[in-house]
C-alpha cells in the first residue's frame, strides 16, 4: 500500500477497517507500510532525522507502531537530471546512503525492526542511458540498483521495490518477452542472489497512469484484473523460490479497485 505521509492517520484507520494483515507489536496491530512519495531528490538535510521523527509522530497519532517506511525518490522527473546522469546517480545514491546510515543508527535491530524500503525504476539496473557508476568503497562501476542492494544487503527487514511497470510478465514473441516484467527484474534478483543479499526485492505493478502514452503496456488499468492475476502467478513462479522475493506491490489501491476484471479494447 503506497500513500503520502500526510495521510498516515487515515491509512492506519482504513487498514484496520479493511483488516489488512499486520504484525503484532506489544499486543496492538501496527499500521501498514507508509511511503514518502517524494517526487524529486533533494539534499539529505531536507530529510533530517526522518525515520525517527516521523515514526514517533505517527505512533503518537495512531497509538500504534508503523510497519515500515518506504522512500520513493524520483529525481529523473526533472529534465536537469539527465544532463549528467552519472553525477545525478551518485547524488541520489549519497542521499539513500545517508538515509540508510541514519536508519541503522536510530532503529533497533531485531525480527520486528521497522522495515525500510526504497522504490526504484527497473532501469536502475543498467541501460545505455543510465550506465553503471562508481560509488562508495567499490572501485568498479556498477548499476545503481546493485549499489542499493549492497547498502541494504544484510538487513532482512529492508527491501528494494523495483517498479517493473508492465501489464504482462512474459510473451511468446522473444522481443516482447524481453520487455515483460519477469525479464525487467531479472538483473536485481540475479545480483541479489550472487551477492548473497538478505534484503528483499518487491516487484511493483501499475494500475494507474492511464493517460500516459505507454499505458497500453505499463498499466493493468488498460487490460483488467484478470491479466494482473495471470502476470502475478507467472512472477511468483519465476521468483517465488528466491530467498530475496518479498512479493508484489500494486500502485495504487484506488486504481486497482476501479479496474474491472476485463477491459474491452
C-alpha atoms as a PDB file:
ATOM      1  CA  UNK A   1       0.000   0.000   0.000  1.00  0.00           C
ATOM      2  CA  UNK A   2       1.531   3.340  -1.043  1.00  0.00           C
ATOM      3  CA  UNK A   3       0.350   6.644   0.436  1.00  0.00           C
ATOM      4  CA  UNK A   4       1.814  10.024   1.187  1.00  0.00           C
ATOM      5  CA  UNK A   5       2.986  10.614   4.707  1.00  0.00           C
ATOM      6  CA  UNK A   6       0.359  13.270   5.348  1.00  0.00           C
ATOM      7  CA  UNK A   7      -2.366  10.661   5.022  1.00  0.00           C
ATOM      8  CA  UNK A   8      -0.821   8.275   7.556  1.00  0.00           C
ATOM      9  CA  UNK A   9      -3.508   8.529  10.234  1.00  0.00           C
ATOM     10  CA  UNK A  10      -6.295   7.977   7.700  1.00  0.00           C
ATOM     11  CA  UNK A  11      -4.486   4.994   6.192  1.00  0.00           C
ATOM     12  CA  UNK A  12      -3.963   3.420   9.610  1.00  0.00           C
ATOM     13  CA  UNK A  13      -7.674   3.698  10.358  1.00  0.00           C
ATOM     14  CA  UNK A  14      -8.650   2.462   6.886  1.00  0.00           C
ATOM     15  CA  UNK A  15      -6.304  -0.515   7.079  1.00  0.00           C
ATOM     16  CA  UNK A  16      -7.782  -1.506  10.419  1.00  0.00           C
ATOM     17  CA  UNK A  17     -11.285  -1.316   8.938  1.00  0.00           C
ATOM     18  CA  UNK A  18     -10.243  -3.453   5.960  1.00  0.00           C
ATOM     19  CA  UNK A  19      -8.432  -5.980   8.101  1.00  0.00           C
ATOM     20  CA  UNK A  20      -5.097  -5.528   6.332  1.00  0.00           C
ATOM     21  CA  UNK A  21      -2.710  -8.261   7.582  1.00  0.00           C
ATOM     22  CA  UNK A  22      -0.345  -6.713  10.125  1.00  0.00           C
ATOM     23  CA  UNK A  23       2.379  -7.769  12.514  1.00  0.00           C
ATOM     24  CA  UNK A  24       1.840  -7.786  16.277  1.00  0.00           C
ATOM     25  CA  UNK A  25       3.624  -5.286  18.495  1.00  0.00           C
ATOM     26  CA  UNK A  26       3.020  -5.054  22.253  1.00  0.00           C
ATOM     27  CA  UNK A  27      -0.397  -6.604  21.807  1.00  0.00           C
ATOM     28  CA  UNK A  28      -1.519  -3.988  19.264  1.00  0.00           C
ATOM     29  CA  UNK A  29      -1.558  -4.298  15.443  1.00  0.00           C
ATOM     30  CA  UNK A  30       0.860  -1.893  13.768  1.00  0.00           C
ATOM     31  CA  UNK A  31      -0.049   0.207  10.778  1.00  0.00           C
ATOM     32  CA  UNK A  32       0.577  -0.775   7.158  1.00  0.00           C
ATOM     33  CA  UNK A  33       3.557   0.440   5.184  1.00  0.00           C
ATOM     34  CA  UNK A  34       3.665   4.193   4.642  1.00  0.00           C
ATOM     35  CA  UNK A  35       5.812   5.781   1.936  1.00  0.00           C
ATOM     36  CA  UNK A  36       7.198   9.254   1.472  1.00  0.00           C
ATOM     37  CA  UNK A  37       6.004   9.651  -2.107  1.00  0.00           C
ATOM     38  CA  UNK A  38       8.662  12.293  -2.752  1.00  0.00           C
ATOM     39  CA  UNK A  39       8.782  13.380  -6.389  1.00  0.00           C
ATOM     40  CA  UNK A  40      12.375  14.540  -6.576  1.00  0.00           C
ATOM     41  CA  UNK A  41      15.732  14.005  -4.953  1.00  0.00           C
ATOM     42  CA  UNK A  42      16.727  16.736  -2.547  1.00  0.00           C
ATOM     43  CA  UNK A  43      19.716  17.262  -0.277  1.00  0.00           C
ATOM     44  CA  UNK A  44      19.879  14.896   2.689  1.00  0.00           C
ATOM     45  CA  UNK A  45      19.390  17.794   5.129  1.00  0.00           C
ATOM     46  CA  UNK A  46      15.755  18.001   3.973  1.00  0.00           C
ATOM     47  CA  UNK A  47      15.153  14.542   5.402  1.00  0.00           C
ATOM     48  CA  UNK A  48      16.988  15.258   8.651  1.00  0.00           C
ATOM     49  CA  UNK A  49      16.157  12.568  11.196  1.00  0.00           C
ATOM     50  CA  UNK A  50      13.174  11.452   9.078  1.00  0.00           C
ATOM     51  CA  UNK A  51      12.892   7.815  10.232  1.00  0.00           C
ATOM     52  CA  UNK A  52      12.955   8.632  13.938  1.00  0.00           C
ATOM     53  CA  UNK A  53      10.983  11.885  13.853  1.00  0.00           C
ATOM     54  CA  UNK A  54       8.109  10.661  11.690  1.00  0.00           C
ATOM     55  CA  UNK A  55       7.844   7.236  13.282  1.00  0.00           C
ATOM     56  CA  UNK A  56       7.401   8.930  16.661  1.00  0.00           C
ATOM     57  CA  UNK A  57       4.817  11.305  15.172  1.00  0.00           C
ATOM     58  CA  UNK A  58       2.769   8.543  13.581  1.00  0.00           C
ATOM     59  CA  UNK A  59       2.960   6.383  16.682  1.00  0.00           C
ATOM     60  CA  UNK A  60       1.597   9.264  18.745  1.00  0.00           C
ATOM     61  CA  UNK A  61      -1.228   9.915  16.266  1.00  0.00           C
ATOM     62  CA  UNK A  62      -2.292   6.312  15.868  1.00  0.00           C
ATOM     63  CA  UNK A  63      -1.172   4.890  19.219  1.00  0.00           C
ATOM     64  CA  UNK A  64       0.452   2.017  17.386  1.00  0.00           C
ATOM     65  CA  UNK A  65       3.657   1.275  15.508  1.00  0.00           C
ATOM     66  CA  UNK A  66       4.288   1.642  11.800  1.00  0.00           C
ATOM     67  CA  UNK A  67       5.254  -1.500   9.966  1.00  0.00           C
ATOM     68  CA  UNK A  68       7.744   0.325   7.790  1.00  0.00           C
ATOM     69  CA  UNK A  69       8.855   3.339   5.788  1.00  0.00           C
ATOM     70  CA  UNK A  70       9.360   3.340   2.028  1.00  0.00           C
ATOM     71  CA  UNK A  71      11.192   6.056   0.133  1.00  0.00           C
ATOM     72  CA  UNK A  72      10.079   6.734  -3.427  1.00  0.00           C
ATOM     73  CA  UNK A  73      12.537   9.387  -4.626  1.00  0.00           C
ATOM     74  CA  UNK A  74      12.267  10.081  -8.349  1.00  0.00           C
ATOM     75  CA  UNK A  75      14.874  12.673  -9.360  1.00  0.00           C
ATOM     76  CA  UNK A  76      14.736  11.691 -13.020  1.00  0.00           C
ATOM     77  CA  UNK A  77      11.421  13.527 -13.483  1.00  0.00           C
ATOM     78  CA  UNK A  78      13.494  16.713 -13.532  1.00  0.00           C
ATOM     79  CA  UNK A  79      14.956  17.192 -17.042  1.00  0.00           C
ATOM     80  CA  UNK A  80      18.119  18.637 -15.485  1.00  0.00           C
ATOM     81  CA  UNK A  81      18.856  15.215 -14.000  1.00  0.00           C
ATOM     82  CA  UNK A  82      19.637  13.892 -17.471  1.00  0.00           C
ATOM     83  CA  UNK A  83      22.316  16.468 -18.262  1.00  0.00           C
ATOM     84  CA  UNK A  84      24.849  14.490 -16.216  1.00  0.00           C
ATOM     85  CA  UNK A  85      23.380  11.101 -15.390  1.00  0.00           C
ATOM     86  CA  UNK A  86      26.421   9.713 -13.600  1.00  0.00           C
ATOM     87  CA  UNK A  87      26.683  12.697 -11.265  1.00  0.00           C
ATOM     88  CA  UNK A  88      22.918  12.587 -10.706  1.00  0.00           C
ATOM     89  CA  UNK A  89      23.033   8.894  -9.811  1.00  0.00           C
ATOM     90  CA  UNK A  90      25.904   9.453  -7.405  1.00  0.00           C
ATOM     91  CA  UNK A  91      23.988  12.273  -5.705  1.00  0.00           C
ATOM     92  CA  UNK A  92      20.920  10.043  -5.443  1.00  0.00           C
ATOM     93  CA  UNK A  93      22.951   7.178  -4.002  1.00  0.00           C
ATOM     94  CA  UNK A  94      24.528   9.549  -1.480  1.00  0.00           C
ATOM     95  CA  UNK A  95      21.042  10.565  -0.326  1.00  0.00           C
ATOM     96  CA  UNK A  96      19.976   6.938   0.125  1.00  0.00           C
ATOM     97  CA  UNK A  97      23.273   6.126   1.842  1.00  0.00           C
ATOM     98  CA  UNK A  98      22.584   8.899   4.383  1.00  0.00           C
ATOM     99  CA  UNK A  99      19.040   7.615   4.945  1.00  0.00           C
ATOM    100  CA  UNK A 100      20.272   4.054   5.482  1.00  0.00           C
ATOM    101  CA  UNK A 101      23.046   5.179   7.826  1.00  0.00           C
ATOM    102  CA  UNK A 102      20.618   7.190   9.924  1.00  0.00           C
ATOM    103  CA  UNK A 103      18.129   4.326   9.942  1.00  0.00           C
ATOM    104  CA  UNK A 104      20.843   1.995  11.233  1.00  0.00           C
ATOM    105  CA  UNK A 105      21.672   4.480  13.985  1.00  0.00           C
ATOM    106  CA  UNK A 106      18.167   5.069  15.330  1.00  0.00           C
ATOM    107  CA  UNK A 107      16.163   1.927  14.526  1.00  0.00           C
ATOM    108  CA  UNK A 108      16.974  -1.016  16.820  1.00  0.00           C
ATOM    109  CA  UNK A 109      17.709  -4.332  15.053  1.00  0.00           C
ATOM    110  CA  UNK A 110      15.570  -7.396  15.577  1.00  0.00           C
ATOM    111  CA  UNK A 111      12.850  -9.531  13.991  1.00  0.00           C
ATOM    112  CA  UNK A 112      10.234  -6.770  14.366  1.00  0.00           C
ATOM    113  CA  UNK A 113      12.533  -3.974  13.235  1.00  0.00           C
ATOM    114  CA  UNK A 114      10.911  -1.125  11.323  1.00  0.00           C
ATOM    115  CA  UNK A 115      11.048  -2.085   7.652  1.00  0.00           C
ATOM    116  CA  UNK A 116      12.959   0.159   5.256  1.00  0.00           C
ATOM    117  CA  UNK A 117      12.085   0.186   1.555  1.00  0.00           C
ATOM    118  CA  UNK A 118      13.480   2.025  -1.453  1.00  0.00           C
ATOM    119  CA  UNK A 119      11.456   2.182  -4.683  1.00  0.00           C
ATOM    120  CA  UNK A 120      13.380   2.366  -7.960  1.00  0.00           C
ATOM    121  CA  UNK A 121      12.580   2.078 -11.680  1.00  0.00           C
ATOM    122  CA  UNK A 122      13.597  -1.193 -13.305  1.00  0.00           C
ATOM    123  CA  UNK A 123      16.150   0.567 -15.475  1.00  0.00           C
ATOM    124  CA  UNK A 124      18.337   1.397 -12.472  1.00  0.00           C
ATOM    125  CA  UNK A 125      19.928  -1.996 -13.117  1.00  0.00           C
ATOM    126  CA  UNK A 126      21.790  -0.511 -16.069  1.00  0.00           C
ATOM    127  CA  UNK A 127      20.875   0.695 -19.552  1.00  0.00           C
ATOM    128  CA  UNK A 128      22.638   2.672 -22.251  1.00  0.00           C
ATOM    129  CA  UNK A 129      21.039   5.874 -20.923  1.00  0.00           C
ATOM    130  CA  UNK A 130      21.597   5.038 -17.252  1.00  0.00           C
ATOM    131  CA  UNK A 131      25.041   3.408 -17.083  1.00  0.00           C
ATOM    132  CA  UNK A 132      26.945   1.883 -14.196  1.00  0.00           C
ATOM    133  CA  UNK A 133      28.553   4.325 -11.773  1.00  0.00           C
ATOM    134  CA  UNK A 134      31.315   4.176  -9.208  1.00  0.00           C
ATOM    135  CA  UNK A 135      30.095   4.742  -5.665  1.00  0.00           C
ATOM    136  CA  UNK A 136      31.330   4.214  -2.145  1.00  0.00           C
ATOM    137  CA  UNK A 137      34.162   1.832  -1.456  1.00  0.00           C
ATOM    138  CA  UNK A 138      33.731  -0.150  -4.649  1.00  0.00           C
ATOM    139  CA  UNK A 139      36.440   0.526  -7.212  1.00  0.00           C
ATOM    140  CA  UNK A 140      34.360  -0.899 -10.065  1.00  0.00           C
ATOM    141  CA  UNK A 141      31.340   0.871 -11.586  1.00  0.00           C
ATOM    142  CA  UNK A 142      28.023  -0.893 -11.007  1.00  0.00           C
ATOM    143  CA  UNK A 143      24.359  -0.164 -11.741  1.00  0.00           C
ATOM    144  CA  UNK A 144      22.600   1.989  -9.152  1.00  0.00           C
ATOM    145  CA  UNK A 145      20.271  -0.901  -8.269  1.00  0.00           C
ATOM    146  CA  UNK A 146      23.244  -3.058  -7.316  1.00  0.00           C
ATOM    147  CA  UNK A 147      24.681  -0.333  -5.078  1.00  0.00           C
ATOM    148  CA  UNK A 148      21.300  -0.112  -3.331  1.00  0.00           C
ATOM    149  CA  UNK A 149      21.187  -3.871  -2.786  1.00  0.00           C
ATOM    150  CA  UNK A 150      24.679  -3.664  -1.293  1.00  0.00           C
ATOM    151  CA  UNK A 151      23.546  -0.893   1.076  1.00  0.00           C
ATOM    152  CA  UNK A 152      20.584  -2.941   2.315  1.00  0.00           C
ATOM    153  CA  UNK A 153      22.164  -6.338   1.772  1.00  0.00           C
ATOM    154  CA  UNK A 154      22.486  -7.621   5.345  1.00  0.00           C
ATOM    155  CA  UNK A 155      19.157  -6.275   6.604  1.00  0.00           C
ATOM    156  CA  UNK A 156      16.381  -8.805   6.125  1.00  0.00           C
ATOM    157  CA  UNK A 157      13.882  -6.120   7.163  1.00  0.00           C
ATOM    158  CA  UNK A 158      14.862  -3.915   4.213  1.00  0.00           C
ATOM    159  CA  UNK A 159      13.916  -4.245   0.562  1.00  0.00           C
ATOM    160  CA  UNK A 160      14.203  -2.696  -2.871  1.00  0.00           C
ATOM    161  CA  UNK A 161      10.896  -2.228  -4.678  1.00  0.00           C
ATOM    162  CA  UNK A 162      11.514  -2.478  -8.417  1.00  0.00           C
ATOM    163  CA  UNK A 163       8.858  -0.617 -10.383  1.00  0.00           C
ATOM    164  CA  UNK A 164       8.621  -3.111 -13.242  1.00  0.00           C
ATOM    165  CA  UNK A 165       5.595  -1.455 -14.771  1.00  0.00           C
ATOM    166  CA  UNK A 166       4.442  -3.814 -17.498  1.00  0.00           C
ATOM    167  CA  UNK A 167       0.982  -5.365 -17.795  1.00  0.00           C
ATOM    168  CA  UNK A 168       2.394  -8.689 -18.899  1.00  0.00           C
ATOM    169  CA  UNK A 169       5.044 -10.911 -17.336  1.00  0.00           C
ATOM    170  CA  UNK A 170       6.109 -12.836 -20.432  1.00  0.00           C
ATOM    171  CA  UNK A 171       5.302 -13.262 -24.120  1.00  0.00           C
ATOM    172  CA  UNK A 172       5.865 -15.929 -26.743  1.00  0.00           C
ATOM    173  CA  UNK A 173       7.482 -13.351 -29.014  1.00  0.00           C
ATOM    174  CA  UNK A 174      11.132 -13.165 -27.916  1.00  0.00           C
ATOM    175  CA  UNK A 175      11.433  -9.416 -28.413  1.00  0.00           C
ATOM    176  CA  UNK A 176       8.256  -8.633 -26.482  1.00  0.00           C
ATOM    177  CA  UNK A 177       9.185 -11.163 -23.816  1.00  0.00           C
ATOM    178  CA  UNK A 178      12.404  -9.227 -23.148  1.00  0.00           C
ATOM    179  CA  UNK A 179      10.203  -6.274 -22.168  1.00  0.00           C
ATOM    180  CA  UNK A 180       7.979  -8.238 -19.784  1.00  0.00           C
ATOM    181  CA  UNK A 181       8.159  -7.836 -16.012  1.00  0.00           C
ATOM    182  CA  UNK A 182       9.925 -11.172 -15.477  1.00  0.00           C
ATOM    183  CA  UNK A 183      12.807 -10.018 -17.649  1.00  0.00           C
ATOM    184  CA  UNK A 184      12.828  -6.476 -16.252  1.00  0.00           C
ATOM    185  CA  UNK A 185      13.561  -7.591 -12.667  1.00  0.00           C
ATOM    186  CA  UNK A 186      15.976 -10.386 -13.526  1.00  0.00           C
ATOM    187  CA  UNK A 187      19.057  -8.186 -13.057  1.00  0.00           C
ATOM    188  CA  UNK A 188      18.138  -7.262  -9.497  1.00  0.00           C
ATOM    189  CA  UNK A 189      17.250 -10.810  -8.491  1.00  0.00           C
ATOM    190  CA  UNK A 190      20.353 -12.291 -10.077  1.00  0.00           C
ATOM    191  CA  UNK A 191      22.639  -9.758  -8.411  1.00  0.00           C
ATOM    192  CA  UNK A 192      20.953 -10.233  -5.021  1.00  0.00           C
ATOM    193  CA  UNK A 193      21.494 -13.987  -5.284  1.00  0.00           C
ATOM    194  CA  UNK A 194      25.086 -13.592  -6.487  1.00  0.00           C
ATOM    195  CA  UNK A 195      25.918 -11.197  -3.655  1.00  0.00           C
ATOM    196  CA  UNK A 196      24.041 -13.360  -1.122  1.00  0.00           C
ATOM    197  CA  UNK A 197      21.976 -10.393  -0.010  1.00  0.00           C
ATOM    198  CA  UNK A 198      19.467 -10.984   2.754  1.00  0.00           C
ATOM    199  CA  UNK A 199      17.413  -7.899   1.966  1.00  0.00           C
ATOM    200  CA  UNK A 200      14.279  -8.364  -0.087  1.00  0.00           C
ATOM    201  CA  UNK A 201      13.042  -7.454  -3.538  1.00  0.00           C
ATOM    202  CA  UNK A 202       9.431  -6.439  -4.157  1.00  0.00           C
ATOM    203  CA  UNK A 203       8.045  -6.306  -7.699  1.00  0.00           C
ATOM    204  CA  UNK A 204       5.959  -3.197  -8.336  1.00  0.00           C
ATOM    205  CA  UNK A 205       2.986  -3.306 -10.718  1.00  0.00           C
ATOM    206  CA  UNK A 206       0.900  -0.409 -12.036  1.00  0.00           C
ATOM    207  CA  UNK A 207      -2.868   0.140 -12.300  1.00  0.00           C
ATOM    208  CA  UNK A 208      -2.951   3.926 -12.660  1.00  0.00           C
ATOM    209  CA  UNK A 209      -1.456   6.494 -15.057  1.00  0.00           C
ATOM    210  CA  UNK A 210      -3.931   5.651 -17.817  1.00  0.00           C
ATOM    211  CA  UNK A 211      -3.215   8.949 -19.559  1.00  0.00           C
ATOM    212  CA  UNK A 212       0.436   8.035 -20.062  1.00  0.00           C
ATOM    213  CA  UNK A 213       1.353   7.372 -23.687  1.00  0.00           C
ATOM    214  CA  UNK A 214       2.767   3.966 -22.719  1.00  0.00           C
ATOM    215  CA  UNK A 215      -0.173   2.908 -20.555  1.00  0.00           C
ATOM    216  CA  UNK A 216      -1.146   0.295 -23.143  1.00  0.00           C
ATOM    217  CA  UNK A 217       1.801  -1.790 -21.915  1.00  0.00           C
ATOM    218  CA  UNK A 218       2.590  -0.385 -18.454  1.00  0.00           C
ATOM    219  CA  UNK A 219      -0.783  -0.295 -16.691  1.00  0.00           C
ATOM    220  CA  UNK A 220      -3.143  -3.131 -15.821  1.00  0.00           C
ATOM    221  CA  UNK A 221      -5.831  -0.483 -15.869  1.00  0.00           C
ATOM    222  CA  UNK A 222      -5.848  -0.936 -19.656  1.00  0.00           C
ATOM    223  CA  UNK A 223      -6.190  -4.751 -19.586  1.00  0.00           C
ATOM    224  CA  UNK A 224      -8.013  -5.654 -16.354  1.00  0.00           C
ATOM    225  CA  UNK A 225      -7.531  -7.551 -13.117  1.00  0.00           C
ATOM    226  CA  UNK A 226      -7.575 -10.967 -14.761  1.00  0.00           C
ATOM    227  CA  UNK A 227      -4.413 -10.054 -16.676  1.00  0.00           C
ATOM    228  CA  UNK A 228      -2.835  -8.931 -13.413  1.00  0.00           C
ATOM    229  CA  UNK A 229      -3.560 -12.248 -11.720  1.00  0.00           C
ATOM    230  CA  UNK A 230      -2.035 -14.075 -14.673  1.00  0.00           C
ATOM    231  CA  UNK A 231       1.100 -11.929 -14.567  1.00  0.00           C
ATOM    232  CA  UNK A 232       1.316 -12.252 -10.788  1.00  0.00           C
ATOM    233  CA  UNK A 233       1.191 -16.042 -10.991  1.00  0.00           C
ATOM    234  CA  UNK A 234       3.981 -16.019 -13.576  1.00  0.00           C
ATOM    235  CA  UNK A 235       6.128 -13.703 -11.464  1.00  0.00           C
ATOM    236  CA  UNK A 236       5.667 -15.882  -8.394  1.00  0.00           C
ATOM    237  CA  UNK A 237       6.544 -18.966 -10.448  1.00  0.00           C
ATOM    238  CA  UNK A 238       9.699 -17.250 -11.707  1.00  0.00           C
ATOM    239  CA  UNK A 239      10.947 -15.717  -8.457  1.00  0.00           C
ATOM    240  CA  UNK A 240       8.910 -17.106  -5.577  1.00  0.00           C
ATOM    241  CA  UNK A 241      11.636 -19.612  -4.781  1.00  0.00           C
ATOM    242  CA  UNK A 242      14.299 -16.912  -4.346  1.00  0.00           C
ATOM    243  CA  UNK A 243      15.094 -16.059  -0.740  1.00  0.00           C
ATOM    244  CA  UNK A 244      15.000 -12.349  -1.594  1.00  0.00           C
ATOM    245  CA  UNK A 245      11.446 -12.431  -3.005  1.00  0.00           C
ATOM    246  CA  UNK A 246       9.083 -10.336  -0.858  1.00  0.00           C
ATOM    247  CA  UNK A 247       6.007 -10.305  -3.059  1.00  0.00           C
ATOM    248  CA  UNK A 248       4.279  -7.799  -5.309  1.00  0.00           C
ATOM    249  CA  UNK A 249       3.199  -4.208  -4.781  1.00  0.00           C
ATOM    250  CA  UNK A 250       0.279  -2.505  -6.517  1.00  0.00           C
ATOM    251  CA  UNK A 251       0.266   1.186  -7.399  1.00  0.00           C
ATOM    252  CA  UNK A 252      -2.237   2.240  -6.415  1.00  0.00           C
ATOM    253  CA  UNK A 253      -5.138   0.799  -4.445  1.00  0.00           C
ATOM    254  CA  UNK A 254      -7.915   3.090  -5.667  1.00  0.00           C
ATOM    255  CA  UNK A 255      -6.907   2.464  -9.297  1.00  0.00           C
ATOM    256  CA  UNK A 256      -6.944  -1.281  -8.631  1.00  0.00           C
ATOM    257  CA  UNK A 257     -10.446  -1.071  -7.172  1.00  0.00           C
ATOM    258  CA  UNK A 258     -11.631   0.971 -10.165  1.00  0.00           C
ATOM    259  CA  UNK A 259     -10.282  -1.556 -12.687  1.00  0.00           C
ATOM    260  CA  UNK A 260     -12.766  -4.163 -13.988  1.00  0.00           C
ATOM    261  CA  UNK A 261     -11.969  -7.832 -14.354  1.00  0.00           C
ATOM    262  CA  UNK A 262     -11.652  -7.459 -18.110  1.00  0.00           C
ATOM    263  CA  UNK A 263     -11.167  -4.344 -20.215  1.00  0.00           C
ATOM    264  CA  UNK A 264     -12.677  -4.265 -23.674  1.00  0.00           C
ATOM    265  CA  UNK A 265     -10.163  -2.924 -26.157  1.00  0.00           C
END
